[in-house]
Amino acid sequence: MIGAAGGILTGLGFGSAGIVGGTVAAGIQAGIGNVVAGSAFAALQALGAAGIFTTVGIAGGAVALVIGGGYAGYKIFKGFGN
């Protein structure tokens, strides 16, 4: 399943050279405008741009996915409860 994550990111349009035109990621970016550093979208783009799943393999990709997902969750929920 983790090995498929790289293919899923690429399929959604998070490519190694940036967001691929005409994809789901391009549509999301068009809707949100400027991407905020540290956002979930930025984290997914960083993973896609780094080619993390093909560069370090499935185990490294799994670690990056957990860390990136945790960080994105932290950033999303950071403001809740204030």
C-alpha atoms as a PDB file:
ATOM      1  CA  MET A   1       0.000   0.000   0.000  1.00  0.00           C
ATOM      2  CA  ILE A   2       2.789   2.435   0.866  1.00  0.00           C
ATOM      3  CA  GLY A   3       4.514   1.654  -2.424  1.00  0.00           C
ATOM      4  CA  ALA A   4       1.363   2.760  -4.214  1.00  0.00           C
ATOM      5  CA  ALA A   5       1.466   6.130  -2.441  1.00  0.00           C
ATOM      6  CA  GLY A   6       4.129   7.452  -4.810  1.00  0.00           C
ATOM      7  CA  GLY A   7       2.021   6.419  -7.780  1.00  0.00           C
ATOM      8  CA  ILE A   8      -1.036   7.982  -6.215  1.00  0.00           C
ATOM      9  CA  LEU A   9       0.779  11.286  -5.621  1.00  0.00           C
ATOM     10  CA  THR A  10       2.042  11.278  -9.206  1.00  0.00           C
ATOM     11  CA  GLY A  11      -1.396  10.323 -10.503  1.00  0.00           C
ATOM     12  CA  LEU A  12      -2.977  13.204  -8.620  1.00  0.00           C
ATOM     13  CA  GLY A  13      -0.487  15.605 -10.206  1.00  0.00           C
ATOM     14  CA  PHE A  14       2.219  16.042  -7.555  1.00  0.00           C
ATOM     15  CA  GLY A  15       5.138  15.614  -9.944  1.00  0.00           C
ATOM     16  CA  SER A  16       8.886  15.876  -9.563  1.00  0.00           C
ATOM     17  CA  ALA A  17       8.893  19.170 -11.506  1.00  0.00           C
ATOM     18  CA  GLY A  18       5.895  20.630  -9.664  1.00  0.00           C
ATOM     19  CA  ILE A  19       2.150  20.487 -10.120  1.00  0.00           C
ATOM     20  CA  VAL A  20       1.169  18.881 -13.435  1.00  0.00           C
ATOM     21  CA  GLY A  21      -1.378  20.879 -15.444  1.00  0.00           C
ATOM     22  CA  GLY A  22      -4.848  19.417 -15.917  1.00  0.00           C
ATOM     23  CA  THR A  23      -4.665  17.164 -12.854  1.00  0.00           C
ATOM     24  CA  VAL A  24      -6.535  16.993  -9.558  1.00  0.00           C
ATOM     25  CA  ALA A  25      -3.628  18.764  -7.834  1.00  0.00           C
ATOM     26  CA  ALA A  26      -3.759  21.579 -10.409  1.00  0.00           C
ATOM     27  CA  GLY A  27      -7.486  22.000  -9.790  1.00  0.00           C
ATOM     28  CA  ILE A  28      -6.976  22.136  -6.030  1.00  0.00           C
ATOM     29  CA  GLN A  29      -4.176  24.665  -6.372  1.00  0.00           C
ATOM     30  CA  ALA A  30      -6.305  26.809  -8.675  1.00  0.00           C
ATOM     31  CA  GLY A  31      -9.022  26.790  -6.019  1.00  0.00           C
ATOM     32  CA  ILE A  32      -6.796  27.684  -3.081  1.00  0.00           C
ATOM     33  CA  GLY A  33      -4.533  30.155  -4.874  1.00  0.00           C
ATOM     34  CA  ASN A  34      -1.164  30.746  -3.243  1.00  0.00           C
ATOM     35  CA  VAL A  35      -0.037  27.669  -1.337  1.00  0.00           C
ATOM     36  CA  VAL A  36       0.919  28.395   2.262  1.00  0.00           C
ATOM     37  CA  ALA A  37       4.245  26.939   3.385  1.00  0.00           C
ATOM     38  CA  GLY A  38       3.679  24.121   5.855  1.00  0.00           C
ATOM     39  CA  SER A  39       0.177  23.331   4.588  1.00  0.00           C
ATOM     40  CA  ALA A  40      -0.939  19.802   3.761  1.00  0.00           C
ATOM     41  CA  PHE A  41      -0.856  20.712   0.064  1.00  0.00           C
ATOM     42  CA  ALA A  42       2.722  21.978   0.382  1.00  0.00           C
ATOM     43  CA  ALA A  43       3.726  18.785   2.192  1.00  0.00           C
ATOM     44  CA  LEU A  44       2.267  16.611  -0.584  1.00  0.00           C
ATOM     45  CA  GLN A  45       4.030  18.708  -3.211  1.00  0.00           C
ATOM     46  CA  ALA A  46       7.325  18.381  -1.357  1.00  0.00           C
ATOM     47  CA  LEU A  47       6.945  14.600  -1.308  1.00  0.00           C
ATOM     48  CA  GLY A  48       6.089  14.545  -5.011  1.00  0.00           C
ATOM     49  CA  ALA A  49       8.931  16.890  -5.954  1.00  0.00           C
ATOM     50  CA  ALA A  50      11.466  14.916  -3.949  1.00  0.00           C
ATOM     51  CA  GLY A  51      10.370  11.689  -5.589  1.00  0.00           C
ATOM     52  CA  ILE A  52      10.713  10.310  -2.088  1.00  0.00           C
ATOM     53  CA  PHE A  53       9.056   6.997  -2.867  1.00  0.00           C
ATOM     54  CA  THR A  54      11.381   6.162  -5.730  1.00  0.00           C
ATOM     55  CA  THR A  55      14.533   7.680  -4.229  1.00  0.00           C
ATOM     56  CA  VAL A  56      14.625   6.020  -0.832  1.00  0.00           C
ATOM     57  CA  GLY A  57      12.362   3.068  -1.428  1.00  0.00           C
ATOM     58  CA  ILE A  58       9.189   1.903   0.228  1.00  0.00           C
ATOM     59  CA  ALA A  59      10.486   1.900   3.821  1.00  0.00           C
ATOM     60  CA  GLY A  60      11.855   5.444   3.554  1.00  0.00           C
ATOM     61  CA  GLY A  61       8.680   6.544   1.826  1.00  0.00           C
ATOM     62  CA  ALA A  62       6.614   5.100   4.658  1.00  0.00           C
ATOM     63  CA  VAL A  63       8.634   7.034   7.224  1.00  0.00           C
ATOM     64  CA  ALA A  64       8.323  10.239   5.196  1.00  0.00           C
ATOM     65  CA  LEU A  65       4.586   9.683   4.787  1.00  0.00           C
ATOM     66  CA  VAL A  66       4.087   9.252   8.530  1.00  0.00           C
ATOM     67  CA  ILE A  67       6.224  12.282   9.381  1.00  0.00           C
ATOM     68  CA  GLY A  68       4.668  14.433   6.667  1.00  0.00           C
ATOM     69  CA  GLY A  69       1.150  13.335   7.568  1.00  0.00           C
ATOM     70  CA  GLY A  70       1.765  14.031  11.234  1.00  0.00           C
ATOM     71  CA  TYR A  71       3.154  17.463  10.475  1.00  0.00           C
ATOM     72  CA  ALA A  72       0.281  18.294   8.131  1.00  0.00           C
ATOM     73  CA  GLY A  73      -2.208  17.170  10.790  1.00  0.00           C
ATOM     74  CA  TYR A  74      -0.473  19.333  13.356  1.00  0.00           C
ATOM     75  CA  LYS A  75      -0.631  22.374  11.067  1.00  0.00           C
ATOM     76  CA  ILE A  76      -4.293  21.771  10.220  1.00  0.00           C
ATOM     77  CA  PHE A  77      -5.467  21.319  13.794  1.00  0.00           C
ATOM     78  CA  LYS A  78      -3.035  23.746  15.441  1.00  0.00           C
ATOM     79  CA  GLY A  79      -5.534  26.590  15.527  1.00  0.00           C
ATOM     80  CA  PHE A  80      -8.483  24.539  16.802  1.00  0.00           C
ATOM     81  CA  GLY A  81      -9.530  25.201  20.392  1.00  0.00           C
ATOM     82  CA  ASN A  82      -8.242  28.777  20.510  1.00  0.00           C
END
